[in-house]
C-alpha atoms as a PDB file:
ATOM      1  CA  MET A   1     116.325 142.971 -25.614  1.00  0.00           C
ATOM      2  CA  VAL A   2     117.937 139.861 -24.202  1.00  0.00           C
ATOM      3  CA  ILE A   3     121.144 140.493 -22.274  1.00  0.00           C
ATOM      4  CA  ALA A   4     123.396 137.454 -22.253  1.00  0.00           C
ATOM      5  CA  GLY A   5     125.600 136.805 -19.250  1.00  0.00           C
ATOM      6  CA  LEU A   6     128.014 134.551 -21.080  1.00  0.00           C
ATOM      7  CA  ALA A   7     130.967 135.633 -23.186  1.00  0.00           C
ATOM      8  CA  VAL A   8     130.064 132.990 -25.748  1.00  0.00           C
ATOM      9  CA  ALA A   9     126.547 132.328 -26.976  1.00  0.00           C
ATOM     10  CA  ALA A  10     125.925 129.470 -29.378  1.00  0.00           C
ATOM     11  CA  PHE A  11     122.555 128.878 -30.952  1.00  0.00           C
ATOM     12  CA  ALA A  12     123.780 125.903 -32.936  1.00  0.00           C
ATOM     13  CA  LEU A  13     125.841 122.897 -31.986  1.00  0.00           C
ATOM     14  CA  ALA A  14     129.535 123.316 -32.795  1.00  0.00           C
ATOM     15  CA  GLY A  15     130.216 122.194 -36.323  1.00  0.00           C
ATOM     16  CA  SER A  16     126.589 122.393 -37.457  1.00  0.00           C
ATOM     17  CA  ALA A  17     126.157 126.173 -37.764  1.00  0.00           C
ATOM     18  CA  ASP A  18     125.329 127.851 -41.055  1.00  0.00           C
ATOM     19  CA  VAL A  19     127.281 130.960 -39.977  1.00  0.00           C
ATOM     20  CA  VAL A  20     130.017 131.227 -37.320  1.00  0.00           C
ATOM     21  CA  VAL A  21     130.541 134.725 -35.919  1.00  0.00           C
ATOM     22  CA  TYR A  22     133.525 135.879 -33.881  1.00  0.00           C
ATOM     23  CA  ASN A  23     131.536 138.404 -31.916  1.00  0.00           C
ATOM     24  CA  GLY A  24     133.191 141.284 -30.085  1.00  0.00           C
ATOM     25  CA  ARG A  25     129.760 142.645 -29.207  1.00  0.00           C
ATOM     26  CA  SER A  26     128.942 139.618 -27.038  1.00  0.00           C
ATOM     27  CA  GLN A  27     128.439 141.817 -23.963  1.00  0.00           C
ATOM     28  CA  TYR A  28     126.018 144.219 -25.665  1.00  0.00           C
ATOM     29  CA  GLY A  29     122.876 142.099 -25.707  1.00  0.00           C
ATOM     30  CA  ASP A  30     122.882 141.705 -29.475  1.00  0.00           C
ATOM     31  CA  GLU A  31     122.077 138.010 -29.291  1.00  0.00           C
ATOM     32  CA  GLN A  32     118.436 138.914 -29.919  1.00  0.00           C
ATOM     33  CA  ALA A  33     119.305 140.276 -33.367  1.00  0.00           C
ATOM     34  CA  PHE A  34     121.008 137.009 -34.273  1.00  0.00           C
ATOM     35  CA  LYS A  35     118.025 135.036 -32.953  1.00  0.00           C
ATOM     36  CA  ALA A  36     115.720 137.143 -35.100  1.00  0.00           C
ATOM     37  CA  PHE A  37     117.899 136.338 -38.122  1.00  0.00           C
ATOM     38  CA  GLU A  38     117.638 132.625 -37.334  1.00  0.00           C
ATOM     39  CA  GLU A  39     113.869 132.826 -36.959  1.00  0.00           C
ATOM     40  CA  GLN A  40     113.397 134.685 -40.216  1.00  0.00           C
ATOM     41  CA  THR A  41     115.822 132.643 -42.337  1.00  0.00           C
ATOM     42  CA  GLY A  42     115.870 129.197 -40.735  1.00  0.00           C
ATOM     43  CA  LEU A  43     119.676 129.384 -40.626  1.00  0.00           C
ATOM     44  CA  ASP A  44     121.746 128.482 -37.552  1.00  0.00           C
ATOM     45  CA  VAL A  45     124.187 131.032 -36.142  1.00  0.00           C
ATOM     46  CA  GLU A  46     127.013 130.292 -33.703  1.00  0.00           C
ATOM     47  CA  LEU A  47     128.515 133.182 -31.741  1.00  0.00           C
ATOM     48  CA  ARG A  48     131.981 133.024 -30.220  1.00  0.00           C
ATOM     49  CA  GLY A  49     132.745 135.994 -28.017  1.00  0.00           C
ATOM     50  CA  GLY A  50     135.829 137.973 -27.067  1.00  0.00           C
ATOM     51  CA  THR A  51     137.264 141.480 -27.094  1.00  0.00           C
ATOM     52  CA  ALA A  52     138.254 143.087 -30.384  1.00  0.00           C
ATOM     53  CA  PRO A  53     142.002 142.485 -29.826  1.00  0.00           C
ATOM     54  CA  GLU A  54     141.371 138.903 -28.684  1.00  0.00           C
ATOM     55  CA  LEU A  55     139.325 138.081 -31.761  1.00  0.00           C
ATOM     56  CA  TYR A  56     141.891 139.635 -34.080  1.00  0.00           C
ATOM     57  CA  GLU A  57     144.648 137.556 -32.502  1.00  0.00           C
ATOM     58  CA  ARG A  58     142.507 134.422 -32.691  1.00  0.00           C
ATOM     59  CA  LEU A  59     141.855 134.943 -36.397  1.00  0.00           C
ATOM     60  CA  ARG A  60     145.513 135.663 -37.046  1.00  0.00           C
ATOM     61  CA  ARG A  61     146.627 132.476 -35.288  1.00  0.00           C
ATOM     62  CA  GLU A  62     144.039 130.277 -36.958  1.00  0.00           C
ATOM     63  CA  GLY A  63     144.629 131.576 -40.470  1.00  0.00           C
ATOM     64  CA  ASP A  64     143.035 129.441 -43.162  1.00  0.00           C
ATOM     65  CA  ALA A  65     141.968 126.894 -40.526  1.00  0.00           C
ATOM     66  CA  THR A  66     139.546 129.272 -38.800  1.00  0.00           C
ATOM     67  CA  ASP A  67     135.882 128.346 -38.397  1.00  0.00           C
ATOM     68  CA  ALA A  68     134.866 132.001 -38.455  1.00  0.00           C
ATOM     69  CA  ASP A  69     132.735 133.382 -41.276  1.00  0.00           C
ATOM     70  CA  LEU A  70     132.212 136.881 -39.862  1.00  0.00           C
ATOM     71  CA  LEU A  71     134.237 139.111 -37.563  1.00  0.00           C
ATOM     72  CA  VAL A  72     132.259 141.597 -35.468  1.00  0.00           C
ATOM     73  CA  THR A  73     134.292 144.024 -33.373  1.00  0.00           C
ATOM     74  CA  THR A  74     133.666 147.053 -31.181  1.00  0.00           C
ATOM     75  CA  ASP A  75     136.658 148.982 -32.421  1.00  0.00           C
ATOM     76  CA  LEU A  76     137.540 150.160 -35.908  1.00  0.00           C
ATOM     77  CA  ALA A  77     141.301 150.040 -35.388  1.00  0.00           C
ATOM     78  CA  ASN A  78     141.078 146.291 -34.883  1.00  0.00           C
ATOM     79  CA  LEU A  79     139.008 145.920 -38.045  1.00  0.00           C
ATOM     80  CA  TRP A  80     141.797 147.800 -39.808  1.00  0.00           C
ATOM     81  CA  ARG A  81     144.349 145.376 -38.349  1.00  0.00           C
ATOM     82  CA  ALA A  82     142.349 142.407 -39.618  1.00  0.00           C
ATOM     83  CA  THR A  83     142.084 144.029 -43.048  1.00  0.00           C
ATOM     84  CA  ASP A  84     145.786 144.881 -43.129  1.00  0.00           C
ATOM     85  CA  ALA A  85     146.665 141.313 -42.170  1.00  0.00           C
ATOM     86  CA  GLY A  86     144.612 139.971 -45.074  1.00  0.00           C
ATOM     87  CA  LEU A  87     142.070 138.254 -42.835  1.00  0.00           C
ATOM     88  CA  LEU A  88     138.971 139.843 -44.363  1.00  0.00           C
ATOM     89  CA  GLU A  89     137.468 139.516 -47.832  1.00  0.00           C
ATOM     90  CA  PRO A  90     135.976 142.684 -49.350  1.00  0.00           C
ATOM     91  CA  VAL A  91     132.286 142.425 -50.169  1.00  0.00           C
ATOM     92  CA  VAL A  92     129.917 145.005 -51.641  1.00  0.00           C
ATOM     93  CA  THR A  93     126.184 144.516 -52.151  1.00  0.00           C
ATOM     94  CA  ASP A  94     123.343 146.883 -52.962  1.00  0.00           C
ATOM     95  CA  ALA A  95     121.807 146.268 -49.533  1.00  0.00           C
ATOM     96  CA  LEU A  96     124.990 147.065 -47.622  1.00  0.00           C
ATOM     97  CA  SER A  97     125.676 150.143 -49.728  1.00  0.00           C
ATOM     98  CA  SER A  98     122.179 151.510 -49.143  1.00  0.00           C
ATOM     99  CA  GLN A  99     122.009 150.631 -45.440  1.00  0.00           C
ATOM    100  CA  VAL A 100     125.369 151.949 -44.200  1.00  0.00           C
ATOM    101  CA  ALA A 101     126.400 155.604 -44.417  1.00  0.00           C
ATOM    102  CA  PRO A 102     129.252 156.086 -46.934  1.00  0.00           C
ATOM    103  CA  GLU A 103     131.704 157.330 -44.299  1.00  0.00           C
ATOM    104  CA  LEU A 104     131.042 154.271 -42.124  1.00  0.00           C
ATOM    105  CA  HIS A 105     132.423 151.538 -44.338  1.00  0.00           C
ATOM    106  CA  ASP A 106     135.693 150.658 -46.004  1.00  0.00           C
ATOM    107  CA  PRO A 107     135.830 151.990 -49.579  1.00  0.00           C
ATOM    108  CA  ASP A 108     136.592 148.483 -50.849  1.00  0.00           C
ATOM    109  CA  GLY A 109     134.031 146.776 -48.601  1.00  0.00           C
ATOM    110  CA  ALA A 110     136.498 145.085 -46.228  1.00  0.00           C
ATOM    111  CA  TRP A 111     134.376 146.185 -43.258  1.00  0.00           C
ATOM    112  CA  TRP A 112     130.957 147.745 -42.670  1.00  0.00           C
ATOM    113  CA  GLY A 113     129.826 149.817 -39.701  1.00  0.00           C
ATOM    114  CA  LEU A 114     127.145 148.585 -37.320  1.00  0.00           C
ATOM    115  CA  SER A 115     127.089 151.500 -34.882  1.00  0.00           C
ATOM    116  CA  THR A 116     128.995 154.601 -33.865  1.00  0.00           C
ATOM    117  CA  ARG A 117     130.162 155.421 -30.349  1.00  0.00           C
ATOM    118  CA  LEU A 118     131.559 158.721 -29.081  1.00  0.00           C
ATOM    119  CA  ARG A 119     134.369 158.772 -26.494  1.00  0.00           C
ATOM    120  CA  VAL A 120     133.874 162.000 -24.594  1.00  0.00           C
ATOM    121  CA  PRO A 121     134.566 163.772 -21.302  1.00  0.00           C
ATOM    122  CA  MET A 122     131.936 163.283 -18.610  1.00  0.00           C
ATOM    123  CA  ARG A 123     131.185 165.684 -15.756  1.00  0.00           C
ATOM    124  CA  SER A 124     129.295 165.704 -12.494  1.00  0.00           C
ATOM    125  CA  THR A 125     126.137 167.773 -12.865  1.00  0.00           C
ATOM    126  CA  GLU A 126     126.368 168.564  -9.155  1.00  0.00           C
ATOM    127  CA  ARG A 127     129.958 169.822  -8.929  1.00  0.00           C
ATOM    128  CA  VAL A 128     131.057 170.839 -12.432  1.00  0.00           C
ATOM    129  CA  GLU A 129     129.258 173.602 -14.266  1.00  0.00           C
ATOM    130  CA  GLU A 130     128.099 173.177 -17.823  1.00  0.00           C
ATOM    131  CA  GLY A 131     130.743 174.696 -20.096  1.00  0.00           C
ATOM    132  CA  ALA A 132     133.618 174.027 -17.689  1.00  0.00           C
ATOM    133  CA  ILE A 133     134.869 171.318 -20.066  1.00  0.00           C
ATOM    134  CA  GLU A 134     134.846 172.077 -23.772  1.00  0.00           C
ATOM    135  CA  SER A 135     137.759 169.980 -24.997  1.00  0.00           C
ATOM    136  CA  TYR A 136     139.803 166.890 -24.213  1.00  0.00           C
ATOM    137  CA  GLU A 137     142.558 169.239 -23.057  1.00  0.00           C
ATOM    138  CA  ASP A 138     140.285 170.489 -20.260  1.00  0.00           C
ATOM    139  CA  LEU A 139     140.573 167.131 -18.504  1.00  0.00           C
ATOM    140  CA  GLY A 140     144.152 168.210 -17.788  1.00  0.00           C
ATOM    141  CA  ASP A 141     143.084 171.446 -16.081  1.00  0.00           C
ATOM    142  CA  PRO A 142     144.779 171.621 -12.644  1.00  0.00           C
ATOM    143  CA  GLN A 143     141.390 172.302 -11.025  1.00  0.00           C
ATOM    144  CA  PHE A 144     140.640 168.613 -11.551  1.00  0.00           C
ATOM    145  CA  ARG A 145     143.774 167.330  -9.825  1.00  0.00           C
ATOM    146  CA  GLY A 146     142.741 164.269  -7.821  1.00  0.00           C
ATOM    147  CA  ARG A 147     139.220 164.547  -9.287  1.00  0.00           C
ATOM    148  CA  LEU A 148     139.767 162.822 -12.666  1.00  0.00           C
ATOM    149  CA  CYS A 149     138.802 159.184 -13.317  1.00  0.00           C
ATOM    150  CA  LEU A 150     140.032 157.180 -16.298  1.00  0.00           C
ATOM    151  CA  ARG A 151     139.706 153.613 -17.495  1.00  0.00           C
ATOM    152  CA  THR A 152     142.845 151.478 -17.722  1.00  0.00           C
ATOM    153  CA  SER A 153     145.277 152.027 -20.560  1.00  0.00           C
ATOM    154  CA  ASN A 154     144.867 148.466 -21.833  1.00  0.00           C
ATOM    155  CA  ASN A 155     141.309 149.249 -22.883  1.00  0.00           C
ATOM    156  CA  GLU A 156     140.846 149.152 -26.660  1.00  0.00           C
ATOM    157  CA  TYR A 157     138.722 152.330 -26.707  1.00  0.00           C
ATOM    158  CA  ASN A 158     141.438 154.338 -24.952  1.00  0.00           C
ATOM    159  CA  GLN A 159     144.128 152.904 -27.205  1.00  0.00           C
ATOM    160  CA  SER A 160     142.177 153.774 -30.348  1.00  0.00           C
ATOM    161  CA  PHE A 161     141.491 157.271 -29.001  1.00  0.00           C
ATOM    162  CA  VAL A 162     145.212 157.852 -28.451  1.00  0.00           C
ATOM    163  CA  ALA A 163     146.104 156.308 -31.831  1.00  0.00           C
ATOM    164  CA  ASP A 164     143.659 158.648 -33.540  1.00  0.00           C
ATOM    165  CA  ARG A 165     145.099 161.648 -31.667  1.00  0.00           C
ATOM    166  CA  ILE A 166     148.583 160.671 -32.842  1.00  0.00           C
ATOM    167  CA  ALA A 167     147.328 160.346 -36.417  1.00  0.00           C
ATOM    168  CA  LYS A 168     145.657 163.758 -36.382  1.00  0.00           C
ATOM    169  CA  HIS A 169     147.774 165.828 -33.969  1.00  0.00           C
ATOM    170  CA  GLY A 170     151.153 164.113 -33.914  1.00  0.00           C
ATOM    171  CA  GLU A 171     152.892 162.189 -31.167  1.00  0.00           C
ATOM    172  CA  GLN A 172     154.387 165.222 -29.424  1.00  0.00           C
ATOM    173  CA  ASP A 173     151.047 166.994 -29.048  1.00  0.00           C
ATOM    174  CA  THR A 174     149.346 163.783 -27.925  1.00  0.00           C
ATOM    175  CA  GLU A 175     152.049 163.141 -25.336  1.00  0.00           C
ATOM    176  CA  LYS A 176     151.519 166.655 -23.967  1.00  0.00           C
ATOM    177  CA  LEU A 177     147.788 165.965 -23.664  1.00  0.00           C
ATOM    178  CA  LEU A 178     148.271 162.683 -21.817  1.00  0.00           C
ATOM    179  CA  GLU A 179     150.921 164.150 -19.538  1.00  0.00           C
ATOM    180  CA  SER A 180     148.445 166.835 -18.480  1.00  0.00           C
ATOM    181  CA  TRP A 181     145.932 164.125 -17.612  1.00  0.00           C
ATOM    182  CA  MET A 182     148.516 162.155 -15.650  1.00  0.00           C
ATOM    183  CA  ALA A 183     149.541 165.346 -13.806  1.00  0.00           C
ATOM    184  CA  ASN A 184     146.020 165.380 -12.364  1.00  0.00           C
ATOM    185  CA  ASP A 185     146.759 162.083 -10.593  1.00  0.00           C
ATOM    186  CA  PRO A 186     143.760 160.251 -12.076  1.00  0.00           C
ATOM    187  CA  GLN A 187     142.027 157.361 -10.392  1.00  0.00           C
ATOM    188  CA  ILE A 188     142.375 154.394 -12.764  1.00  0.00           C
ATOM    189  CA  LEU A 189     139.281 152.194 -12.833  1.00  0.00           C
ATOM    190  CA  GLY A 190     138.349 148.974 -14.572  1.00  0.00           C
ATOM    191  CA  SER A 191     135.470 150.013 -16.814  1.00  0.00           C
ATOM    192  CA  ASP A 192     133.544 152.934 -18.245  1.00  0.00           C
ATOM    193  CA  VAL A 193     130.657 152.084 -15.912  1.00  0.00           C
ATOM    194  CA  ASP A 194     133.049 152.305 -12.959  1.00  0.00           C
ATOM    195  CA  VAL A 195     134.074 155.791 -14.105  1.00  0.00           C
ATOM    196  CA  LEU A 196     130.473 156.991 -14.363  1.00  0.00           C
ATOM    197  CA  GLU A 197     129.499 155.523 -11.015  1.00  0.00           C
ATOM    198  CA  ALA A 198     132.559 157.091  -9.378  1.00  0.00           C
ATOM    199  CA  ILE A 199     131.534 160.504 -10.710  1.00  0.00           C
ATOM    200  CA  ALA A 200     127.964 160.004  -9.513  1.00  0.00           C
ATOM    201  CA  ALA A 201     129.194 158.935  -6.069  1.00  0.00           C
ATOM    202  CA  GLY A 202     131.452 161.971  -5.698  1.00  0.00           C
ATOM    203  CA  GLN A 203     134.729 160.043  -5.887  1.00  0.00           C
ATOM    204  CA  CYS A 204     135.736 162.171  -8.885  1.00  0.00           C
ATOM    205  CA  ASP A 205     134.268 165.079 -10.810  1.00  0.00           C
ATOM    206  CA  VAL A 206     135.202 164.312 -14.415  1.00  0.00           C
ATOM    207  CA  GLY A 207     136.129 161.334 -16.563  1.00  0.00           C
ATOM    208  CA  LEU A 208     136.261 159.877 -20.067  1.00  0.00           C
ATOM    209  CA  THR A 209     133.847 157.207 -21.324  1.00  0.00           C
ATOM    210  CA  ASN A 210     131.915 156.089 -24.376  1.00  0.00           C
ATOM    211  CA  HIS A 211     128.613 157.936 -24.639  1.00  0.00           C
ATOM    212  CA  TYR A 212     126.349 154.894 -24.617  1.00  0.00           C
ATOM    213  CA  TYR A 213     127.360 153.844 -21.106  1.00  0.00           C
ATOM    214  CA  LEU A 214     125.884 157.093 -19.857  1.00  0.00           C
ATOM    215  CA  GLY A 215     122.913 156.653 -22.181  1.00  0.00           C
ATOM    216  CA  ARG A 216     122.078 153.360 -20.493  1.00  0.00           C
ATOM    217  CA  GLU A 217     122.357 154.916 -17.033  1.00  0.00           C
ATOM    218  CA  LEU A 218     120.038 157.757 -18.047  1.00  0.00           C
ATOM    219  CA  ALA A 219     117.548 155.345 -19.596  1.00  0.00           C
ATOM    220  CA  GLU A 220     117.227 153.667 -16.192  1.00  0.00           C
ATOM    221  CA  ASP A 221     117.506 156.850 -14.116  1.00  0.00           C
ATOM    222  CA  PRO A 222     116.939 160.202 -15.869  1.00  0.00           C
ATOM    223  CA  ASP A 223     118.265 161.933 -12.725  1.00  0.00           C
ATOM    224  CA  PHE A 224     121.638 160.164 -12.834  1.00  0.00           C
ATOM    225  CA  PRO A 225     123.981 163.076 -11.899  1.00  0.00           C
ATOM    226  CA  VAL A 226     126.416 162.845 -14.819  1.00  0.00           C
ATOM    227  CA  ALA A 227     126.323 164.603 -18.191  1.00  0.00           C
ATOM    228  CA  PRO A 228     128.446 164.503 -21.345  1.00  0.00           C
ATOM    229  CA  ALA A 229     130.756 167.463 -21.904  1.00  0.00           C
ATOM    230  CA  TRP A 230     130.752 167.405 -25.697  1.00  0.00           C
ATOM    231  CA  PRO A 231     134.267 168.373 -26.793  1.00  0.00           C
ATOM    232  CA  ASP A 232     135.472 170.640 -29.584  1.00  0.00           C
ATOM    233  CA  GLN A 233     132.000 171.509 -30.834  1.00  0.00           C
ATOM    234  CA  ASP A 234     133.373 174.554 -32.615  1.00  0.00           C
ATOM    235  CA  GLY A 235     136.178 172.496 -34.130  1.00  0.00           C
ATOM    236  CA  ALA A 236     136.811 168.873 -35.000  1.00  0.00           C
ATOM    237  CA  GLY A 237     134.136 167.447 -32.698  1.00  0.00           C
ATOM    238  CA  ALA A 238     133.925 164.390 -30.470  1.00  0.00           C
ATOM    239  CA  HIS A 239     136.176 161.385 -31.171  1.00  0.00           C
ATOM    240  CA  THR A 240     133.974 158.782 -32.839  1.00  0.00           C
ATOM    241  CA  ASN A 241     134.782 155.096 -33.148  1.00  0.00           C
ATOM    242  CA  LEU A 242     132.505 152.384 -34.467  1.00  0.00           C
ATOM    243  CA  SER A 243     131.641 148.748 -34.159  1.00  0.00           C
ATOM    244  CA  GLY A 244     131.604 146.886 -37.432  1.00  0.00           C
ATOM    245  CA  VAL A 245     131.529 143.623 -39.301  1.00  0.00           C
ATOM    246  CA  GLY A 246     133.738 142.023 -41.922  1.00  0.00           C
ATOM    247  CA  LEU A 247     133.569 138.837 -43.985  1.00  0.00           C
ATOM    248  CA  VAL A 248     136.369 136.472 -43.011  1.00  0.00           C
ATOM    249  CA  LYS A 249     138.503 135.327 -45.927  1.00  0.00           C
ATOM    250  CA  GLY A 250     137.834 131.680 -46.644  1.00  0.00           C
ATOM    251  CA  ALA A 251     134.189 131.654 -45.512  1.00  0.00           C
ATOM    252  CA  GLY A 252     133.677 129.158 -48.337  1.00  0.00           C
ATOM    253  CA  GLU A 253     130.337 127.375 -48.324  1.00  0.00           C
ATOM    254  CA  HIS A 254     129.044 129.751 -45.658  1.00  0.00           C
ATOM    255  CA  ARG A 255     129.888 132.875 -47.649  1.00  0.00           C
ATOM    256  CA  ALA A 256     126.383 133.591 -48.974  1.00  0.00           C
ATOM    257  CA  ASN A 257     124.794 133.052 -45.561  1.00  0.00           C
ATOM    258  CA  ALA A 258     127.408 135.255 -43.896  1.00  0.00           C
ATOM    259  CA  ILE A 259     126.747 138.103 -46.339  1.00  0.00           C
ATOM    260  CA  ARG A 260     123.032 137.674 -45.744  1.00  0.00           C
ATOM    261  CA  LEU A 261     123.653 138.125 -42.021  1.00  0.00           C
ATOM    262  CA  MET A 262     125.765 141.236 -42.669  1.00  0.00           C
ATOM    263  CA  GLU A 263     122.859 142.718 -44.600  1.00  0.00           C
ATOM    264  CA  PHE A 264     120.432 141.824 -41.815  1.00  0.00           C
ATOM    265  CA  LEU A 265     122.585 143.450 -39.116  1.00  0.00           C
ATOM    266  CA  THR A 266     122.693 146.733 -41.034  1.00  0.00           C
ATOM    267  CA  ALA A 267     118.965 146.736 -41.868  1.00  0.00           C
ATOM    268  CA  ARG A 268     116.345 148.626 -39.865  1.00  0.00           C
ATOM    269  CA  GLU A 269     115.228 145.873 -37.449  1.00  0.00           C
ATOM    270  CA  ALA A 270     118.690 145.070 -36.086  1.00  0.00           C
ATOM    271  CA  GLN A 271     119.769 148.716 -36.190  1.00  0.00           C
ATOM    272  CA  GLU A 272     116.758 149.744 -34.104  1.00  0.00           C
ATOM    273  CA  ALA A 273     117.799 147.158 -31.507  1.00  0.00           C
ATOM    274  CA  ILE A 274     121.307 148.627 -31.485  1.00  0.00           C
ATOM    275  CA  VAL A 275     120.114 152.191 -30.872  1.00  0.00           C
ATOM    276  CA  GLU A 276     117.941 151.025 -27.998  1.00  0.00           C
ATOM    277  CA  ASN A 277     121.270 150.007 -26.472  1.00  0.00           C
ATOM    278  CA  SER A 278     122.153 153.755 -26.577  1.00  0.00           C
ATOM    279  CA  GLU A 279     124.549 153.546 -29.527  1.00  0.00           C
ATOM    280  CA  PHE A 280     124.025 155.468 -32.760  1.00  0.00           C
ATOM    281  CA  ALA A 281     123.036 153.542 -35.873  1.00  0.00           C
ATOM    282  CA  ALA A 282     125.276 153.101 -38.902  1.00  0.00           C
ATOM    283  CA  ASN A 283     122.101 153.059 -40.988  1.00  0.00           C
ATOM    284  CA  PRO A 284     121.248 156.729 -41.670  1.00  0.00           C
ATOM    285  CA  GLU A 285     117.521 155.919 -41.777  1.00  0.00           C
ATOM    286  CA  VAL A 286     117.491 154.871 -38.101  1.00  0.00           C
ATOM    287  CA  PRO A 287     117.325 157.767 -35.589  1.00  0.00           C
ATOM    288  CA  PRO A 288     118.778 157.673 -32.068  1.00  0.00           C
ATOM    289  CA  ALA A 289     116.730 156.144 -29.283  1.00  0.00           C
ATOM    290  CA  GLU A 290     114.157 158.483 -27.791  1.00  0.00           C
ATOM    291  CA  HIS A 291     116.178 159.089 -24.614  1.00  0.00           C
ATOM    292  CA  LEU A 292     119.179 160.239 -26.699  1.00  0.00           C
ATOM    293  CA  ARG A 293     117.424 162.456 -29.246  1.00  0.00           C
ATOM    294  CA  ASP A 294     119.017 165.563 -27.686  1.00  0.00           C
ATOM    295  CA  TRP A 295     122.427 164.138 -28.612  1.00  0.00           C
ATOM    296  CA  ALA A 296     121.616 163.624 -32.290  1.00  0.00           C
ATOM    297  CA  ASP A 297     123.271 166.817 -33.546  1.00  0.00           C
ATOM    298  CA  VAL A 298     126.592 166.549 -31.724  1.00  0.00           C
ATOM    299  CA  GLU A 299     129.588 167.440 -33.903  1.00  0.00           C
ATOM    300  CA  THR A 300     131.638 164.268 -34.379  1.00  0.00           C
ATOM    301  CA  ASP A 301     135.201 163.514 -35.436  1.00  0.00           C
ATOM    302  CA  PRO A 302     135.302 160.029 -37.022  1.00  0.00           C
ATOM    303  CA  ILE A 303     138.416 157.978 -36.348  1.00  0.00           C
ATOM    304  CA  ASP A 304     140.931 158.121 -39.202  1.00  0.00           C
ATOM    305  CA  VAL A 305     141.214 154.372 -39.539  1.00  0.00           C
ATOM    306  CA  GLU A 306     143.893 154.368 -42.242  1.00  0.00           C
ATOM    307  CA  GLN A 307     146.216 156.402 -40.006  1.00  0.00           C
ATOM    308  CA  ALA A 308     145.045 155.355 -36.537  1.00  0.00           C
ATOM    309  CA  GLY A 309     145.395 151.639 -37.228  1.00  0.00           C
ATOM    310  CA  PRO A 310     149.140 151.828 -37.918  1.00  0.00           C
ATOM    311  CA  SER A 311     149.516 154.097 -34.852  1.00  0.00           C
ATOM    312  CA  LEU A 312     148.179 151.554 -32.338  1.00  0.00           C
ATOM    313  CA  GLU A 313     151.598 150.312 -31.242  1.00  0.00           C
ATOM    314  CA  ALA A 314     152.855 153.865 -30.829  1.00  0.00           C
ATOM    315  CA  ALA A 315     149.733 154.689 -28.827  1.00  0.00           C
ATOM    316  CA  VAL A 316     150.287 151.841 -26.388  1.00  0.00           C
ATOM    317  CA  ALA A 317     153.969 152.765 -25.978  1.00  0.00           C
ATOM    318  CA  LEU A 318     153.050 156.401 -25.358  1.00  0.00           C
ATOM    319  CA  MET A 319     150.455 155.518 -22.736  1.00  0.00           C
ATOM    320  CA  GLN A 320     153.018 153.435 -20.919  1.00  0.00           C
ATOM    321  CA  ARG A 321     155.608 156.169 -21.190  1.00  0.00           C
ATOM    322  CA  VAL A 322     153.407 158.777 -19.510  1.00  0.00           C
ATOM    323  CA  GLY A 323     152.473 156.380 -16.722  1.00  0.00           C
ATOM    324  CA  TRP A 324     148.870 155.629 -17.651  1.00  0.00           C
ATOM    325  CA  GLU A 325     148.262 152.399 -15.755  1.00  0.00           C
END
C-alpha cells in the first residue's frame, strides 16, 4: 500500500478530473485504491485532503460552487452534519446495497460506510493486568491517577465519542464519566499514536485510542507492549465509529463517475486494502486482516448518528467544562 506524505494528492490536473473527492482519509494510505480505480476505468480522480470537520466546513462555505463530487470522512458525526445541512444527495444502487452492511449506511442513502473503527481503552501489558479495565468508567479508577493518557479534546474521534455518550447515557452521566477521567490528571497528547507510544514507554499505563492504531503497531512489532481492553463486553460493547462516503449535491456531469467510485470503494478490492490498514471492512464479505483476526468477535456499540450528530456542540462544551484540554 502506498502511504502518501502529503495532505492533498491529485492524480489529475485541477479542472480536468472526472471525479473530485474531498478526502478525509488522506493520511490513511488509501491513494492506492483511487489509483486502482483510475487504472481500471480510465477516469481521472483528484483528491483534496483535510480533516472531517475541515471538509464539512469547506463544503458548507462553497455551497453550490463547490468542485467536490464526493465527500469521504473519517467520522460519522460529520457525515451527519453534511447530510443535515443538505450538502449530500442520497443515492442507492444494487452494488452499494449488496456491498455495505445494512447498519453501516444511511437508510436513505445519504452516506455509505467504508470502514468501522473502535475507540477503546488501551493498557500496558507489562503493568496492567488483563481484566483490570472492563469499561470506559475504569479509566477513571483512582489507581490510574497520573497514569492515564488521552488525546486532545479537539480531536474529532473524542468529540464523537462524547456526543454518542450524551445521546445514549445523558449529559449528566457523561459529565460524571469525564470528570472521573480528569480527576486522574491525564497527560494530554497530540495523537493516538502518541498515546500508544507513551504507554509502551512507561509514561502512562492506560489510554484511549482507535483500535487500528494499535493494529498497525502490532503488525510491525507483535511484541509491542500494549493491548486493547475491550469495554462493556457483557453490555453495550465498544464505541464504534466509521469512515464513510457521500455524494455531494450538485455533482452534475460527474455524478455517474462519482457513484461508480463509491461502488468501487465498497467492493472487495478496495475493502481488502482498507483492512490491511487495520480497520474493519464495511463490506461484510471482507474479513479482518490476518493480524487482527482475534479481534473479529468483539462486541461493538455503533454510534447513534441521528442522536450523536446533534449532540456534537454539547459534547465540545462539556469537554471544555470538565477541563479536557
